[in-house]
Amino acid sequence: MSLLLIARYNTFWFESKQEKRFLASALFNFHSFLTVVLLGICTCTFVKMHFPAILEQRTGFRGFFWKAARIGERLSPWVAVGCFTMGVSIIFF
C-alpha cells in the first residue's frame, strides 16, 4: 500500500487506494488538542516535582507552566483518568 504525502499550507493529505483523510494541526483537531494539553500538564507537573526552582515564578510566560503544574498536582486523579482515557482512545480509535 503506497501512501502519497502532499504538504499544503502546513497541513497534510494522506492518499491511498482504500482511504482518504485529512489531518489537521492540534489547534483545529479537538482530540489532538486534548492530547497536547494533557501532555503539557503531565510534563509541567513532572518538571516541578524534580526541579522546583524552574517553576517558581507565578506570573508571565513561566506562570502559565506553573499553573499547568498546579493543575497536575491538585487534580492528579482526574489527570490520570484523562491520560488513561486518551491513551486508550489513541490506541483503539
Protein backbone atom coordinates (compact mmCIF):
# COMPACT_ATOMS: atom_id res chain seq x y z
CA MET A 1 0.00 0.00 0.00
CA SER A 2 1.65 3.19 -1.10
CA LEU A 3 0.92 6.48 0.60
CA LEU A 4 1.35 9.81 -1.07
CA LEU A 5 2.18 12.70 1.25
CA ILE A 6 1.36 16.12 -0.11
CA ALA A 7 2.15 19.19 2.02
CA ARG A 8 -0.22 22.11 1.51
CA TYR A 9 -0.20 25.19 3.72
CA ASN A 10 1.18 23.32 6.78
CA THR A 11 -1.45 20.59 6.55
CA PHE A 12 -1.05 17.11 5.14
CA TRP A 13 -3.16 14.87 2.95
CA PHE A 14 -2.61 11.12 3.01
CA GLU A 15 -3.96 9.44 -0.08
CA SER A 16 -4.18 5.71 -0.56
CA LYS A 17 -6.38 3.39 -2.56
CA GLN A 18 -8.54 2.48 0.43
CA GLU A 19 -8.62 5.66 2.49
CA LYS A 20 -8.51 9.41 2.06
CA ARG A 21 -8.43 11.53 5.18
CA PHE A 22 -7.37 15.00 6.21
CA LEU A 23 -5.03 15.51 9.17
CA ALA A 24 -5.27 18.95 10.78
CA SER A 25 -2.96 20.57 13.28
CA ALA A 26 -3.59 20.28 17.03
CA LEU A 27 -5.31 23.67 17.05
CA PHE A 28 -8.12 22.52 14.79
CA ASN A 29 -8.49 18.90 15.86
CA PHE A 30 -10.09 18.66 19.31
CA HIS A 31 -8.74 15.18 20.03
CA SER A 32 -5.16 16.30 19.30
CA PHE A 33 -5.69 19.48 21.32
CA LEU A 34 -6.74 17.46 24.39
CA THR A 35 -3.71 15.21 23.96
CA VAL A 36 -1.35 18.19 23.84
CA VAL A 37 -2.99 19.78 26.90
CA LEU A 38 -2.77 16.55 28.93
CA LEU A 39 0.86 16.00 27.94
CA GLY A 40 1.65 19.62 28.85
CA ILE A 41 0.05 19.27 32.29
CA CYS A 42 1.87 16.00 32.97
CA THR A 43 5.22 17.39 31.78
CA CYS A 44 4.92 20.57 33.86
CA THR A 45 4.00 18.55 36.96
CA PHE A 46 6.97 16.23 36.43
CA VAL A 47 9.38 19.15 35.97
CA LYS A 48 8.04 20.92 39.06
CA MET A 49 8.47 17.79 41.20
CA HIS A 50 12.08 17.26 40.10
CA PHE A 51 13.24 20.87 39.58
CA PRO A 52 11.01 23.19 41.66
CA ALA A 53 13.22 26.26 41.11
CA ILE A 54 12.36 26.33 37.39
CA LEU A 55 8.64 26.88 38.01
CA GLU A 56 8.77 29.26 40.99
CA GLN A 57 7.59 32.30 39.07
CA ARG A 58 3.79 32.61 39.09
CA THR A 59 3.45 35.44 36.57
CA GLY A 60 4.48 35.95 32.99
CA PHE A 61 5.31 33.24 30.49
CA ARG A 62 6.58 30.76 33.08
CA GLY A 63 3.44 31.40 35.13
CA PHE A 64 1.43 29.51 32.51
CA PHE A 65 3.57 26.43 33.14
CA TRP A 66 3.31 26.93 36.91
CA LYS A 67 -0.49 26.90 36.57
CA ALA A 68 -0.36 23.74 34.48
CA ALA A 69 1.82 22.09 37.15
CA ARG A 70 -0.63 23.22 39.84
CA ILE A 71 -3.50 21.62 37.92
CA GLY A 72 -1.49 18.40 37.70
CA GLU A 73 -0.78 18.45 41.43
CA ARG A 74 -4.27 19.24 42.64
CA LEU A 75 -6.28 17.26 40.11
CA SER A 76 -3.88 14.34 39.69
CA PRO A 77 -6.55 11.58 39.86
CA TRP A 78 -8.59 13.32 37.14
CA VAL A 79 -5.49 13.99 35.04
CA ALA A 80 -4.53 10.31 35.38
CA VAL A 81 -8.00 9.22 34.26
CA GLY A 82 -7.80 11.65 31.35
CA CYS A 83 -4.38 10.34 30.31
CA PHE A 84 -5.56 6.73 30.53
CA THR A 85 -8.71 7.50 28.52
CA MET A 86 -6.73 9.42 25.91
CA GLY A 87 -4.23 6.57 25.61
CA VAL A 88 -6.98 4.01 25.09
CA SER A 89 -8.70 6.21 22.51
CA ILE A 90 -5.44 6.77 20.62
CA ILE A 91 -4.62 3.05 20.56
CA PHE A 92 -8.05 1.72 19.62
CA PHE A 93 -9.75 4.55 17.71
